[in-house]
């Protein structure tokens, strides 16, 4: 506490009155008292202003602390967003690469499928030609069998019949072999279709 705190001007007036000293001295005392009163009023105003300044300072300090906390939280959030952005960019690049690989695989599957289709059509055409040739030969054999008795002696008839049966068996075996090849090509074609469908399904799953 300072020496001026608790100072009472009235006490000073009473002390001065007790001491006496004439009108001139009273005038000086009154001037001093007036100055003291002004000083005391000014001190009171300064005290009020200091309290207000302290209150504002405390408020500003709290606001600064709040802003610093918010800045720290925003900085942490910004770091998290940057990390998430990097992860999303990496996933986007991987998705684009997977999509490109899937498109390339689909392209190869389509090309292979078209090749199998061409092979099957070519095989069917060859088989049709062979069947027509077989039927023609069979008709020729039938015609020959009808005229066997007039062309060959009865003694050679069993041999010719056996030869015709052998030829027929050979032709039937050749046709069975071609049918087996066609069946195998159809199975391979189905496998390619299944692989393509599985690839498309896997691509849709990755996109989701």
N, C-alpha and C. Protein backbone atom coordinates (compact mmCIF):
# COMPACT_ATOMS: atom_id res chain seq x y z
N UNK A 1 0.86 -1.20 0.00
CA UNK A 1 0.00 0.00 0.00
C UNK A 1 0.89 1.23 0.00
N UNK A 2 0.59 2.30 -0.87
CA UNK A 2 1.39 3.52 -0.94
C UNK A 2 1.05 4.44 0.22
N UNK A 3 1.87 5.48 0.42
CA UNK A 3 1.69 6.38 1.54
C UNK A 3 0.46 7.26 1.37
N UNK A 4 0.03 7.47 0.09
CA UNK A 4 -1.11 8.36 -0.15
C UNK A 4 -2.43 7.65 0.02
N UNK A 5 -2.45 6.28 0.02
CA UNK A 5 -3.69 5.56 0.18
C UNK A 5 -4.23 5.79 1.60
N UNK A 6 -5.53 6.03 1.70
CA UNK A 6 -6.15 6.29 3.00
C UNK A 6 -5.97 7.73 3.47
N UNK A 7 -5.44 8.57 2.56
CA UNK A 7 -5.20 9.97 2.93
C UNK A 7 -6.52 10.72 2.93
N UNK A 8 -6.79 11.53 4.00
CA UNK A 8 -8.05 12.26 4.15
C UNK A 8 -7.75 13.74 4.16
N UNK A 9 -8.36 14.46 3.18
CA UNK A 9 -8.10 15.90 3.06
C UNK A 9 -8.66 16.65 4.27
N UNK A 10 -9.78 16.18 4.80
CA UNK A 10 -10.39 16.85 5.95
C UNK A 10 -9.46 16.85 7.15
N UNK A 11 -8.67 15.73 7.31
CA UNK A 11 -7.70 15.69 8.41
C UNK A 11 -6.66 16.79 8.23
N UNK A 12 -6.24 17.00 6.97
CA UNK A 12 -5.25 18.05 6.69
C UNK A 12 -5.83 19.42 7.03
N UNK A 13 -7.14 19.61 6.70
CA UNK A 13 -7.77 20.92 7.00
C UNK A 13 -7.81 21.15 8.51
N UNK A 14 -8.18 20.12 9.25
CA UNK A 14 -8.26 20.25 10.71
C UNK A 14 -6.90 20.54 11.30
N UNK A 15 -5.88 19.88 10.82
CA UNK A 15 -4.52 20.12 11.32
C UNK A 15 -4.10 21.54 11.04
N UNK A 16 -4.39 22.01 9.87
CA UNK A 16 -3.99 23.37 9.47
C UNK A 16 -4.71 24.40 10.32
N UNK A 17 -5.99 24.17 10.64
CA UNK A 17 -6.78 25.11 11.44
C UNK A 17 -6.23 25.18 12.86
N UNK A 18 -5.80 24.06 13.38
CA UNK A 18 -5.26 24.04 14.72
C UNK A 18 -3.94 24.79 14.82
N UNK A 19 -3.17 24.74 13.77
CA UNK A 19 -1.85 25.37 13.78
C UNK A 19 -1.99 26.89 13.67
N UNK A 20 -3.05 27.41 12.99
CA UNK A 20 -3.22 28.84 12.83
C UNK A 20 -2.19 29.40 11.90
N UNK A 21 -2.14 30.73 11.71
CA UNK A 21 -1.10 31.34 10.90
C UNK A 21 -1.59 32.46 10.04
N UNK A 22 -2.79 32.90 10.11
CA UNK A 22 -3.21 34.07 9.37
C UNK A 22 -3.89 33.74 8.08
N UNK A 23 -4.41 34.84 7.47
CA UNK A 23 -5.18 34.68 6.22
C UNK A 23 -4.30 34.21 5.06
N UNK A 24 -3.11 34.73 4.99
CA UNK A 24 -2.21 34.35 3.88
C UNK A 24 -1.90 32.88 3.93
N UNK A 25 -1.65 32.43 5.10
CA UNK A 25 -1.35 31.02 5.23
C UNK A 25 -2.58 30.17 4.92
N UNK A 26 -3.78 30.65 5.32
CA UNK A 26 -5.01 29.92 5.01
C UNK A 26 -5.22 29.82 3.51
N UNK A 27 -4.88 30.89 2.81
CA UNK A 27 -5.04 30.88 1.35
C UNK A 27 -4.13 29.84 0.71
N UNK A 28 -2.91 29.79 1.18
CA UNK A 28 -1.98 28.81 0.64
C UNK A 28 -2.44 27.38 0.94
N UNK A 29 -2.95 27.25 2.17
CA UNK A 29 -3.43 25.93 2.56
C UNK A 29 -4.59 25.50 1.68
N UNK A 30 -5.49 26.44 1.42
CA UNK A 30 -6.63 26.12 0.56
C UNK A 30 -6.17 25.73 -0.83
N UNK A 31 -5.14 26.44 -1.33
CA UNK A 31 -4.62 26.09 -2.67
C UNK A 31 -4.02 24.68 -2.67
N UNK A 32 -3.29 24.37 -1.64
CA UNK A 32 -2.66 23.05 -1.53
C UNK A 32 -3.72 21.96 -1.44
N UNK A 33 -4.77 22.30 -0.60
CA UNK A 33 -5.85 21.32 -0.44
C UNK A 33 -6.55 21.08 -1.76
N UNK A 34 -6.79 22.18 -2.53
CA UNK A 34 -7.43 22.02 -3.85
C UNK A 34 -6.60 21.15 -4.78
N UNK A 35 -5.29 21.40 -4.75
CA UNK A 35 -4.42 20.57 -5.59
C UNK A 35 -4.44 19.10 -5.15
N UNK A 36 -4.47 18.92 -3.81
CA UNK A 36 -4.49 17.55 -3.30
C UNK A 36 -5.77 16.83 -3.71
N UNK A 37 -6.89 17.60 -3.64
CA UNK A 37 -8.14 16.99 -4.04
C UNK A 37 -8.11 16.58 -5.52
N UNK A 38 -7.57 17.48 -6.36
CA UNK A 38 -7.46 17.14 -7.79
C UNK A 38 -6.57 15.91 -8.00
N UNK A 39 -5.47 15.87 -7.23
CA UNK A 39 -4.56 14.73 -7.36
C UNK A 39 -5.26 13.43 -6.92
N UNK A 40 -6.04 13.56 -5.83
CA UNK A 40 -6.74 12.38 -5.34
C UNK A 40 -7.79 11.91 -6.36
N UNK A 41 -8.51 12.87 -6.98
CA UNK A 41 -9.49 12.51 -8.00
C UNK A 41 -8.79 11.85 -9.19
N UNK A 42 -7.65 12.46 -9.58
CA UNK A 42 -6.90 11.89 -10.71
C UNK A 42 -6.41 10.49 -10.39
N UNK A 43 -5.96 10.28 -9.15
CA UNK A 43 -5.50 8.95 -8.74
C UNK A 43 -6.65 7.95 -8.78
N UNK A 44 -7.85 8.41 -8.33
CA UNK A 44 -9.01 7.52 -8.35
C UNK A 44 -9.36 7.12 -9.79
N UNK A 45 -9.30 8.15 -10.67
CA UNK A 45 -9.58 7.86 -12.09
C UNK A 45 -8.55 6.89 -12.65
N UNK A 46 -7.27 7.12 -12.31
CA UNK A 46 -6.20 6.22 -12.80
C UNK A 46 -6.39 4.80 -12.27
N UNK A 47 -6.81 4.70 -10.99
CA UNK A 47 -7.05 3.36 -10.43
C UNK A 47 -8.16 2.64 -11.20
N UNK A 48 -9.23 3.41 -11.49
CA UNK A 48 -10.34 2.80 -12.25
C UNK A 48 -9.88 2.37 -13.64
N UNK A 49 -9.09 3.26 -14.24
CA UNK A 49 -8.58 2.92 -15.58
C UNK A 49 -7.66 1.71 -15.55
N UNK A 50 -6.84 1.62 -14.48
CA UNK A 50 -5.94 0.47 -14.36
C UNK A 50 -6.75 -0.83 -14.19
N UNK A 51 -7.82 -0.74 -13.37
CA UNK A 51 -8.67 -1.93 -13.22
C UNK A 51 -9.29 -2.33 -14.57
N UNK A 52 -9.76 -1.32 -15.32
CA UNK A 52 -10.37 -1.62 -16.61
C UNK A 52 -9.34 -2.20 -17.58
N UNK A 53 -8.13 -1.60 -17.58
CA UNK A 53 -7.06 -2.10 -18.45
C UNK A 53 -6.70 -3.54 -18.06
N UNK A 54 -6.64 -3.82 -16.75
CA UNK A 54 -6.31 -5.18 -16.31
C UNK A 54 -7.40 -6.16 -16.74
N UNK A 55 -8.66 -5.70 -16.61
CA UNK A 55 -9.77 -6.57 -17.02
C UNK A 55 -9.71 -6.87 -18.52
N UNK A 56 -9.44 -5.80 -19.30
CA UNK A 56 -9.31 -6.00 -20.75
C UNK A 56 -8.13 -6.89 -21.07
N UNK A 57 -7.01 -6.69 -20.33
CA UNK A 57 -5.83 -7.51 -20.57
C UNK A 57 -6.11 -8.98 -20.28
N UNK A 58 -6.80 -9.23 -19.16
CA UNK A 58 -7.14 -10.62 -18.82
C UNK A 58 -8.05 -11.23 -19.89
N UNK A 59 -9.02 -10.42 -20.35
CA UNK A 59 -9.93 -10.92 -21.39
C UNK A 59 -9.18 -11.23 -22.68
N UNK A 60 -8.27 -10.32 -23.04
CA UNK A 60 -7.48 -10.54 -24.25
C UNK A 60 -6.56 -11.75 -24.11
N UNK A 61 -6.04 -11.96 -22.91
CA UNK A 61 -5.16 -13.11 -22.68
C UNK A 61 -5.95 -14.41 -22.82
N UNK A 62 -7.18 -14.42 -22.27
CA UNK A 62 -8.02 -15.60 -22.42
C UNK A 62 -8.35 -15.85 -23.90
N UNK A 63 -8.68 -14.75 -24.60
CA UNK A 63 -9.00 -14.88 -26.02
C UNK A 63 -7.80 -15.38 -26.81
N UNK A 64 -6.60 -14.87 -26.45
CA UNK A 64 -5.39 -15.32 -27.12
C UNK A 64 -5.15 -16.81 -26.88
N UNK A 65 -5.36 -17.25 -25.63
CA UNK A 65 -5.20 -18.68 -25.32
C UNK A 65 -6.18 -19.52 -26.11
N UNK A 66 -7.43 -19.03 -26.20
CA UNK A 66 -8.45 -19.76 -26.97
C UNK A 66 -8.06 -19.83 -28.44
N UNK A 67 -7.59 -18.72 -28.99
CA UNK A 67 -7.18 -18.69 -30.39
C UNK A 67 -5.99 -19.61 -30.64
N UNK A 68 -5.05 -19.65 -29.68
CA UNK A 68 -3.90 -20.53 -29.84
C UNK A 68 -4.34 -22.00 -29.84
N UNK A 69 -5.28 -22.34 -28.95
CA UNK A 69 -5.80 -23.72 -28.94
C UNK A 69 -6.51 -24.05 -30.25
N UNK A 70 -7.33 -23.11 -30.74
CA UNK A 70 -8.02 -23.34 -32.00
C UNK A 70 -7.03 -23.48 -33.15
N UNK A 71 -5.97 -22.65 -33.13
CA UNK A 71 -4.95 -22.73 -34.18
C UNK A 71 -4.25 -24.09 -34.15
N UNK A 72 -3.97 -24.59 -32.94
CA UNK A 72 -3.33 -25.90 -32.81
C UNK A 72 -4.25 -27.01 -33.34
N UNK A 73 -5.55 -26.91 -32.97
CA UNK A 73 -6.51 -27.91 -33.45
C UNK A 73 -6.65 -27.86 -34.98
N UNK A 74 -6.70 -26.63 -35.51
CA UNK A 74 -6.79 -26.49 -36.97
C UNK A 74 -5.55 -27.04 -37.66
N UNK A 75 -4.40 -26.83 -37.07
CA UNK A 75 -3.17 -27.36 -37.65
C UNK A 75 -3.17 -28.89 -37.66
N UNK A 76 -3.64 -29.49 -36.54
CA UNK A 76 -3.73 -30.95 -36.49
C UNK A 76 -4.74 -31.47 -37.52
N UNK A 77 -5.87 -30.76 -37.62
CA UNK A 77 -6.89 -31.16 -38.60
C UNK A 77 -6.36 -31.04 -40.02
N UNK A 78 -5.58 -29.99 -40.26
CA UNK A 78 -4.98 -29.80 -41.59
C UNK A 78 -4.02 -30.94 -41.91
N UNK A 79 -3.23 -31.35 -40.93
CA UNK A 79 -2.31 -32.47 -41.15
C UNK A 79 -3.08 -33.75 -41.46
N UNK A 80 -4.17 -33.99 -40.71
CA UNK A 80 -4.98 -35.19 -40.97
C UNK A 80 -5.58 -35.15 -42.37
N UNK A 81 -6.08 -33.96 -42.79
CA UNK A 81 -6.66 -33.83 -44.11
C UNK A 81 -5.60 -34.07 -45.20
N UNK A 82 -4.40 -33.56 -44.99
CA UNK A 82 -3.32 -33.78 -45.95
C UNK A 82 -2.98 -35.26 -46.06
N UNK A 83 -2.92 -35.96 -44.91
CA UNK A 83 -2.62 -37.38 -44.93
C UNK A 83 -3.73 -38.16 -45.64
N UNK A 84 -4.98 -37.79 -45.36
CA UNK A 84 -6.11 -38.44 -46.03
C UNK A 84 -6.08 -38.18 -47.53
N UNK A 85 -5.72 -36.95 -47.90
CA UNK A 85 -5.63 -36.60 -49.32
C UNK A 85 -4.57 -37.42 -50.02
N UNK A 86 -3.40 -37.62 -49.37
CA UNK A 86 -2.34 -38.44 -49.96
C UNK A 86 -2.80 -39.88 -50.13
N UNK A 87 -3.51 -40.41 -49.12
CA UNK A 87 -4.01 -41.78 -49.23
C UNK A 87 -5.01 -41.92 -50.37
N UNK A 88 -5.91 -40.94 -50.48
CA UNK A 88 -6.90 -40.98 -51.55
C UNK A 88 -6.25 -40.87 -52.94
N UNK A 89 -5.22 -40.02 -53.04
CA UNK A 89 -4.51 -39.91 -54.32
C UNK A 89 -3.82 -41.23 -54.68
N UNK A 90 -3.22 -41.86 -53.66
CA UNK A 90 -2.57 -43.15 -53.91
C UNK A 90 -3.58 -44.20 -54.34
N UNK A 91 -4.73 -44.23 -53.65
CA UNK A 91 -5.78 -45.18 -54.02
C UNK A 91 -6.32 -44.90 -55.41
N UNK A 92 -6.41 -43.61 -55.76
CA UNK A 92 -6.90 -43.24 -57.09
C UNK A 92 -5.94 -43.73 -58.16
N UNK A 93 -4.63 -43.56 -57.92
CA UNK A 93 -3.63 -44.04 -58.90
C UNK A 93 -3.72 -45.55 -59.03
N UNK A 94 -3.85 -46.26 -57.89
CA UNK A 94 -3.97 -47.73 -57.95
C UNK A 94 -5.23 -48.15 -58.70
N UNK A 95 -6.34 -47.43 -58.46
CA UNK A 95 -7.59 -47.77 -59.14
C UNK A 95 -7.46 -47.57 -60.65
N UNK A 96 -6.80 -46.48 -61.04
CA UNK A 96 -6.60 -46.23 -62.47
C UNK A 96 -5.72 -47.31 -63.10
N UNK A 97 -4.69 -47.73 -62.37
CA UNK A 97 -3.83 -48.78 -62.89
C UNK A 97 -4.58 -50.10 -63.00
N UNK A 98 -5.39 -50.42 -61.97
CA UNK A 98 -6.20 -51.65 -62.01
C UNK A 98 -7.19 -51.62 -63.16
N UNK A 99 -7.79 -50.45 -63.37
CA UNK A 99 -8.75 -50.30 -64.46
C UNK A 99 -8.06 -50.50 -65.81
N UNK A 100 -6.85 -49.92 -65.95
CA UNK A 100 -6.12 -50.09 -67.21
C UNK A 100 -5.76 -51.55 -67.45
N UNK A 101 -5.33 -52.25 -66.37
CA UNK A 101 -4.99 -53.66 -66.51
C UNK A 101 -6.24 -54.48 -66.86
N UNK A 102 -7.37 -54.13 -66.23
CA UNK A 102 -8.60 -54.85 -66.51
C UNK A 102 -9.05 -54.64 -67.95
N UNK A 103 -8.92 -53.41 -68.44
CA UNK A 103 -9.28 -53.13 -69.83
C UNK A 103 -8.39 -53.90 -70.80
N UNK A 104 -7.10 -53.96 -70.47
CA UNK A 104 -6.18 -54.70 -71.33
C UNK A 104 -6.51 -56.19 -71.32
N UNK A 105 -6.83 -56.71 -70.13
CA UNK A 105 -7.20 -58.13 -70.03
C UNK A 105 -8.49 -58.41 -70.79
N UNK A 106 -9.46 -57.50 -70.68
CA UNK A 106 -10.71 -57.68 -71.43
C UNK A 106 -10.46 -57.64 -72.94
N UNK A 107 -9.54 -56.77 -73.35
CA UNK A 107 -9.22 -56.68 -74.77
C UNK A 107 -8.61 -57.99 -75.26
N UNK A 108 -7.67 -58.53 -74.46
CA UNK A 108 -7.05 -59.80 -74.86
C UNK A 108 -8.09 -60.92 -74.88
N UNK A 109 -8.99 -60.91 -73.88
CA UNK A 109 -10.03 -61.95 -73.84
C UNK A 109 -10.95 -61.84 -75.05
N UNK A 110 -11.31 -60.61 -75.44
CA UNK A 110 -12.16 -60.43 -76.62
C UNK A 110 -11.46 -60.92 -77.88
N UNK A 111 -10.16 -60.60 -77.98
CA UNK A 111 -9.42 -61.05 -79.15
C UNK A 111 -9.34 -62.57 -79.20
N UNK A 112 -9.07 -63.18 -78.02
CA UNK A 112 -9.00 -64.63 -77.96
C UNK A 112 -10.36 -65.26 -78.27
N UNK A 113 -11.42 -64.63 -77.78
CA UNK A 113 -12.77 -65.13 -78.05
C UNK A 113 -13.09 -65.08 -79.54
N UNK A 114 -12.73 -63.99 -80.18
CA UNK A 114 -12.96 -63.88 -81.61
C UNK A 114 -12.16 -64.92 -82.39
N UNK A 115 -10.93 -65.17 -81.92
CA UNK A 115 -10.10 -66.18 -82.58
C UNK A 115 -10.73 -67.56 -82.45
N UNK A 116 -11.24 -67.86 -81.24
CA UNK A 116 -11.91 -69.15 -81.04
C UNK A 116 -13.16 -69.27 -81.92
N UNK A 117 -13.89 -68.18 -82.04
CA UNK A 117 -15.09 -68.20 -82.88
C UNK A 117 -14.71 -68.49 -84.34
N UNK A 118 -13.64 -67.83 -84.79
CA UNK A 118 -13.19 -68.07 -86.17
C UNK A 118 -12.74 -69.51 -86.35
N UNK A 119 -12.01 -70.02 -85.35
CA UNK A 119 -11.55 -71.41 -85.44
C UNK A 119 -12.73 -72.38 -85.48
N UNK A 120 -13.73 -72.10 -84.65
CA UNK A 120 -14.90 -72.98 -84.62
C UNK A 120 -15.66 -72.92 -85.95
N UNK A 121 -15.82 -71.72 -86.49
CA UNK A 121 -16.51 -71.60 -87.78
C UNK A 121 -15.75 -72.32 -88.88
N UNK A 122 -14.44 -72.17 -88.84
CA UNK A 122 -13.62 -72.86 -89.84
C UNK A 122 -13.71 -74.38 -89.67
N UNK A 123 -13.69 -74.82 -88.40
CA UNK A 123 -13.79 -76.25 -88.15
C UNK A 123 -15.14 -76.80 -88.60
N UNK A 124 -16.21 -76.03 -88.31
CA UNK A 124 -17.54 -76.47 -88.75
C UNK A 124 -17.63 -76.56 -90.27
N UNK A 125 -17.00 -75.60 -90.93
CA UNK A 125 -17.03 -75.62 -92.40
C UNK A 125 -16.29 -76.85 -92.93
N UNK A 126 -15.14 -77.13 -92.33
CA UNK A 126 -14.38 -78.32 -92.76
C UNK A 126 -15.18 -79.59 -92.47
N UNK A 127 -15.82 -79.63 -91.31
CA UNK A 127 -16.60 -80.81 -90.95
C UNK A 127 -17.77 -80.99 -91.93
N UNK A 128 -18.40 -79.88 -92.31
CA UNK A 128 -19.52 -79.95 -93.25
C UNK A 128 -19.04 -80.51 -94.60
N UNK A 129 -17.87 -80.04 -95.03
CA UNK A 129 -17.33 -80.54 -96.30
C UNK A 129 -17.00 -82.03 -96.21
N UNK A 130 -16.42 -82.42 -95.05
CA UNK A 130 -16.08 -83.83 -94.89
C UNK A 130 -17.34 -84.70 -94.82
N UNK A 131 -18.39 -84.17 -94.16
CA UNK A 131 -19.64 -84.92 -94.09
C UNK A 131 -20.24 -85.11 -95.50
N UNK A 132 -20.21 -84.01 -96.27
CA UNK A 132 -20.74 -84.10 -97.64
C UNK A 132 -19.92 -85.10 -98.46
N UNK A 133 -18.60 -85.07 -98.25
CA UNK A 133 -17.75 -86.02 -98.96
C UNK A 133 -18.06 -87.45 -98.52
N UNK A 134 -18.24 -87.63 -97.20
CA UNK A 134 -18.57 -88.95 -96.67
C UNK A 134 -19.90 -89.44 -97.23
N UNK A 135 -20.90 -88.57 -97.23
CA UNK A 135 -22.20 -88.96 -97.77
C UNK A 135 -22.10 -89.32 -99.25
N UNK A 136 -21.29 -88.55 -99.97
CA UNK A 136 -21.12 -88.86 -101.39
C UNK A 136 -20.47 -90.23 -101.58
N UNK A 137 -19.43 -90.47 -100.76
CA UNK A 137 -18.76 -91.77 -100.85
C UNK A 137 -19.71 -92.90 -100.43
N UNK A 138 -20.52 -92.62 -99.40
CA UNK A 138 -21.45 -93.64 -98.94
C UNK A 138 -22.48 -93.96 -100.03
N UNK A 139 -22.95 -92.92 -100.70
CA UNK A 139 -23.90 -93.16 -101.80
C UNK A 139 -23.23 -93.95 -102.93
N UNK A 140 -21.99 -93.62 -103.15
CA UNK A 140 -21.27 -94.39 -104.18
C UNK A 140 -21.16 -95.85 -103.78
N UNK A 141 -20.84 -96.08 -102.49
CA UNK A 141 -20.73 -97.47 -102.02
C UNK A 141 -22.07 -98.20 -102.13
N UNK A 142 -23.13 -97.47 -101.78
CA UNK A 142 -24.45 -98.09 -101.89
C UNK A 142 -24.75 -98.47 -103.34
N UNK A 143 -24.43 -97.53 -104.23
CA UNK A 143 -24.66 -97.83 -105.65
C UNK A 143 -23.80 -99.01 -106.10
N UNK A 144 -22.57 -99.03 -105.59
CA UNK A 144 -21.70 -100.15 -105.96
C UNK A 144 -22.24 -101.47 -105.40
N UNK A 145 -22.74 -101.41 -104.15
CA UNK A 145 -23.29 -102.63 -103.54
C UNK A 145 -24.49 -103.15 -104.33
N UNK A 146 -25.27 -102.22 -104.88
CA UNK A 146 -26.43 -102.65 -105.66
C UNK A 146 -26.01 -103.42 -106.92
N UNK A 147 -24.85 -103.05 -107.42
CA UNK A 147 -24.38 -103.68 -108.67
C UNK A 147 -23.29 -104.71 -108.44
N UNK A 148 -23.10 -105.09 -107.15
CA UNK A 148 -22.01 -106.04 -106.87
C UNK A 148 -22.22 -107.39 -107.59
N UNK A 149 -23.41 -107.83 -107.57
CA UNK A 149 -23.64 -109.16 -108.15
C UNK A 149 -23.34 -109.19 -109.63
N UNK A 150 -23.66 -108.05 -110.29
CA UNK A 150 -23.41 -108.02 -111.73
C UNK A 150 -21.95 -107.74 -112.05
N UNK A 151 -21.25 -107.06 -111.12
CA UNK A 151 -19.85 -106.70 -111.39
C UNK A 151 -18.91 -107.80 -110.92
N UNK A 152 -19.19 -108.33 -109.70
CA UNK A 152 -18.28 -109.33 -109.13
C UNK A 152 -18.95 -110.69 -109.10
N UNK A 153 -18.14 -111.70 -109.04
CA UNK A 153 -18.64 -113.06 -108.88
C UNK A 153 -19.11 -113.25 -107.45
N UNK A 154 -19.97 -114.15 -107.19
CA UNK A 154 -20.44 -114.42 -105.82
C UNK A 154 -19.30 -114.75 -104.87
N UNK A 155 -18.19 -115.33 -105.39
CA UNK A 155 -17.07 -115.69 -104.51
C UNK A 155 -16.38 -114.42 -103.95
N UNK A 156 -16.37 -113.32 -104.69
CA UNK A 156 -15.69 -112.10 -104.22
C UNK A 156 -16.61 -111.15 -103.45
N UNK A 157 -17.87 -111.46 -103.44
CA UNK A 157 -18.83 -110.57 -102.79
C UNK A 157 -18.52 -110.35 -101.29
N UNK A 158 -18.22 -111.38 -100.50
CA UNK A 158 -17.91 -111.15 -99.07
C UNK A 158 -16.69 -110.24 -98.87
N UNK A 159 -15.67 -110.36 -99.72
CA UNK A 159 -14.46 -109.54 -99.59
C UNK A 159 -14.78 -108.07 -99.87
N UNK A 160 -15.56 -107.84 -100.89
CA UNK A 160 -15.90 -106.47 -101.23
C UNK A 160 -16.78 -105.83 -100.15
N UNK A 161 -17.67 -106.66 -99.60
CA UNK A 161 -18.51 -106.15 -98.51
C UNK A 161 -17.66 -105.78 -97.30
N UNK A 162 -16.68 -106.63 -97.01
CA UNK A 162 -15.79 -106.35 -95.88
C UNK A 162 -14.99 -105.08 -96.11
N UNK A 163 -14.51 -104.92 -97.37
CA UNK A 163 -13.77 -103.68 -97.69
C UNK A 163 -14.65 -102.45 -97.54
N UNK A 164 -15.89 -102.56 -97.97
CA UNK A 164 -16.81 -101.43 -97.85
C UNK A 164 -17.08 -101.10 -96.38
N UNK A 165 -17.24 -102.17 -95.56
CA UNK A 165 -17.46 -101.95 -94.14
C UNK A 165 -16.27 -101.28 -93.48
N UNK A 166 -15.07 -101.69 -93.89
CA UNK A 166 -13.85 -101.08 -93.34
C UNK A 166 -13.78 -99.60 -93.71
N UNK A 167 -14.09 -99.33 -94.98
CA UNK A 167 -14.07 -97.92 -95.41
C UNK A 167 -15.09 -97.10 -94.64
N UNK A 168 -16.26 -97.70 -94.44
CA UNK A 168 -17.29 -97.01 -93.68
C UNK A 168 -16.85 -96.76 -92.24
N UNK A 169 -16.21 -97.75 -91.63
CA UNK A 169 -15.72 -97.60 -90.25
C UNK A 169 -14.68 -96.49 -90.15
N UNK A 170 -13.78 -96.47 -91.17
CA UNK A 170 -12.75 -95.42 -91.18
C UNK A 170 -13.37 -94.03 -91.28
N UNK A 171 -14.34 -93.91 -92.14
CA UNK A 171 -15.01 -92.62 -92.29
C UNK A 171 -15.75 -92.22 -91.02
N UNK A 172 -16.41 -93.19 -90.37
CA UNK A 172 -17.10 -92.90 -89.12
C UNK A 172 -16.13 -92.50 -88.01
N UNK A 173 -14.96 -93.19 -87.99
CA UNK A 173 -13.94 -92.84 -86.98
C UNK A 173 -13.43 -91.42 -87.20
N UNK A 174 -13.22 -91.07 -88.48
CA UNK A 174 -12.75 -89.71 -88.78
C UNK A 174 -13.78 -88.68 -88.34
N UNK A 175 -15.06 -88.98 -88.57
CA UNK A 175 -16.11 -88.04 -88.17
C UNK A 175 -16.17 -87.93 -86.64
N UNK A 176 -16.04 -89.05 -85.92
CA UNK A 176 -16.04 -89.01 -84.46
C UNK A 176 -14.89 -88.17 -83.92
N UNK A 177 -13.73 -88.29 -84.58
CA UNK A 177 -12.55 -87.52 -84.15
C UNK A 177 -12.81 -86.02 -84.34
N UNK A 178 -13.40 -85.66 -85.47
CA UNK A 178 -13.69 -84.25 -85.73
C UNK A 178 -14.73 -83.72 -84.73
N UNK A 179 -15.72 -84.57 -84.42
CA UNK A 179 -16.72 -84.16 -83.44
C UNK A 179 -16.10 -83.94 -82.06
N UNK A 180 -15.14 -84.80 -81.70
CA UNK A 180 -14.44 -84.64 -80.42
C UNK A 180 -13.65 -83.33 -80.40
N UNK A 181 -13.00 -83.00 -81.52
CA UNK A 181 -12.26 -81.74 -81.61
C UNK A 181 -13.20 -80.54 -81.47
N UNK A 182 -14.35 -80.63 -82.12
CA UNK A 182 -15.32 -79.55 -82.02
C UNK A 182 -15.81 -79.40 -80.57
N UNK A 183 -16.06 -80.52 -79.90
CA UNK A 183 -16.50 -80.47 -78.51
C UNK A 183 -15.43 -79.83 -77.62
N UNK A 184 -14.16 -80.16 -77.87
CA UNK A 184 -13.07 -79.58 -77.09
C UNK A 184 -12.97 -78.07 -77.32
N UNK A 185 -13.13 -77.65 -78.57
CA UNK A 185 -13.09 -76.21 -78.86
C UNK A 185 -14.25 -75.47 -78.18
N UNK A 186 -15.42 -76.09 -78.15
CA UNK A 186 -16.56 -75.48 -77.48
C UNK A 186 -16.30 -75.34 -75.99
N UNK A 187 -15.67 -76.34 -75.38
CA UNK A 187 -15.34 -76.26 -73.96
C UNK A 187 -14.34 -75.14 -73.69
N UNK A 188 -13.33 -75.01 -74.56
CA UNK A 188 -12.35 -73.93 -74.39
C UNK A 188 -13.02 -72.57 -74.53
N UNK A 189 -13.96 -72.47 -75.46
CA UNK A 189 -14.69 -71.22 -75.64
C UNK A 189 -15.49 -70.87 -74.38
N UNK A 190 -16.12 -71.86 -73.77
CA UNK A 190 -16.88 -71.63 -72.54
C UNK A 190 -15.96 -71.18 -71.41
N UNK A 191 -14.75 -71.77 -71.34
CA UNK A 191 -13.79 -71.36 -70.30
C UNK A 191 -13.39 -69.91 -70.47
N UNK A 192 -13.17 -69.48 -71.71
CA UNK A 192 -12.80 -68.09 -71.97
C UNK A 192 -13.93 -67.16 -71.56
N UNK A 193 -15.17 -67.56 -71.87
CA UNK A 193 -16.32 -66.73 -71.48
C UNK A 193 -16.40 -66.60 -69.96
N UNK A 194 -16.18 -67.71 -69.25
CA UNK A 194 -16.24 -67.68 -67.78
C UNK A 194 -15.15 -66.77 -67.22
N UNK A 195 -13.92 -66.87 -67.76
CA UNK A 195 -12.83 -66.03 -67.28
C UNK A 195 -13.14 -64.55 -67.51
N UNK A 196 -13.75 -64.25 -68.65
CA UNK A 196 -14.12 -62.87 -68.94
C UNK A 196 -15.16 -62.36 -67.97
N UNK A 197 -16.17 -63.21 -67.68
CA UNK A 197 -17.21 -62.81 -66.72
C UNK A 197 -16.62 -62.61 -65.33
N UNK A 198 -15.71 -63.50 -64.92
CA UNK A 198 -15.07 -63.35 -63.61
C UNK A 198 -14.24 -62.07 -63.54
N UNK A 199 -13.53 -61.76 -64.63
CA UNK A 199 -12.74 -60.54 -64.67
C UNK A 199 -13.63 -59.30 -64.58
N UNK A 200 -14.77 -59.32 -65.27
CA UNK A 200 -15.69 -58.19 -65.20
C UNK A 200 -16.26 -58.03 -63.80
N UNK A 201 -16.61 -59.17 -63.17
CA UNK A 201 -17.15 -59.12 -61.79
C UNK A 201 -16.12 -58.57 -60.82
N UNK A 202 -14.86 -58.99 -60.97
CA UNK A 202 -13.79 -58.49 -60.09
C UNK A 202 -13.59 -57.01 -60.30
N UNK A 203 -13.69 -56.53 -61.53
CA UNK A 203 -13.54 -55.10 -61.80
C UNK A 203 -14.63 -54.28 -61.15
N UNK A 204 -15.88 -54.80 -61.23
CA UNK A 204 -16.99 -54.09 -60.58
C UNK A 204 -16.82 -54.05 -59.08
N UNK A 205 -16.32 -55.15 -58.50
CA UNK A 205 -16.09 -55.18 -57.04
C UNK A 205 -15.05 -54.17 -56.62
N UNK A 206 -13.98 -54.01 -57.38
CA UNK A 206 -12.94 -53.03 -57.04
C UNK A 206 -13.46 -51.60 -57.16
N UNK A 207 -14.30 -51.35 -58.16
CA UNK A 207 -14.85 -50.01 -58.30
C UNK A 207 -15.73 -49.65 -57.13
N UNK A 208 -16.50 -50.63 -56.62
CA UNK A 208 -17.33 -50.34 -55.45
C UNK A 208 -16.52 -50.05 -54.21
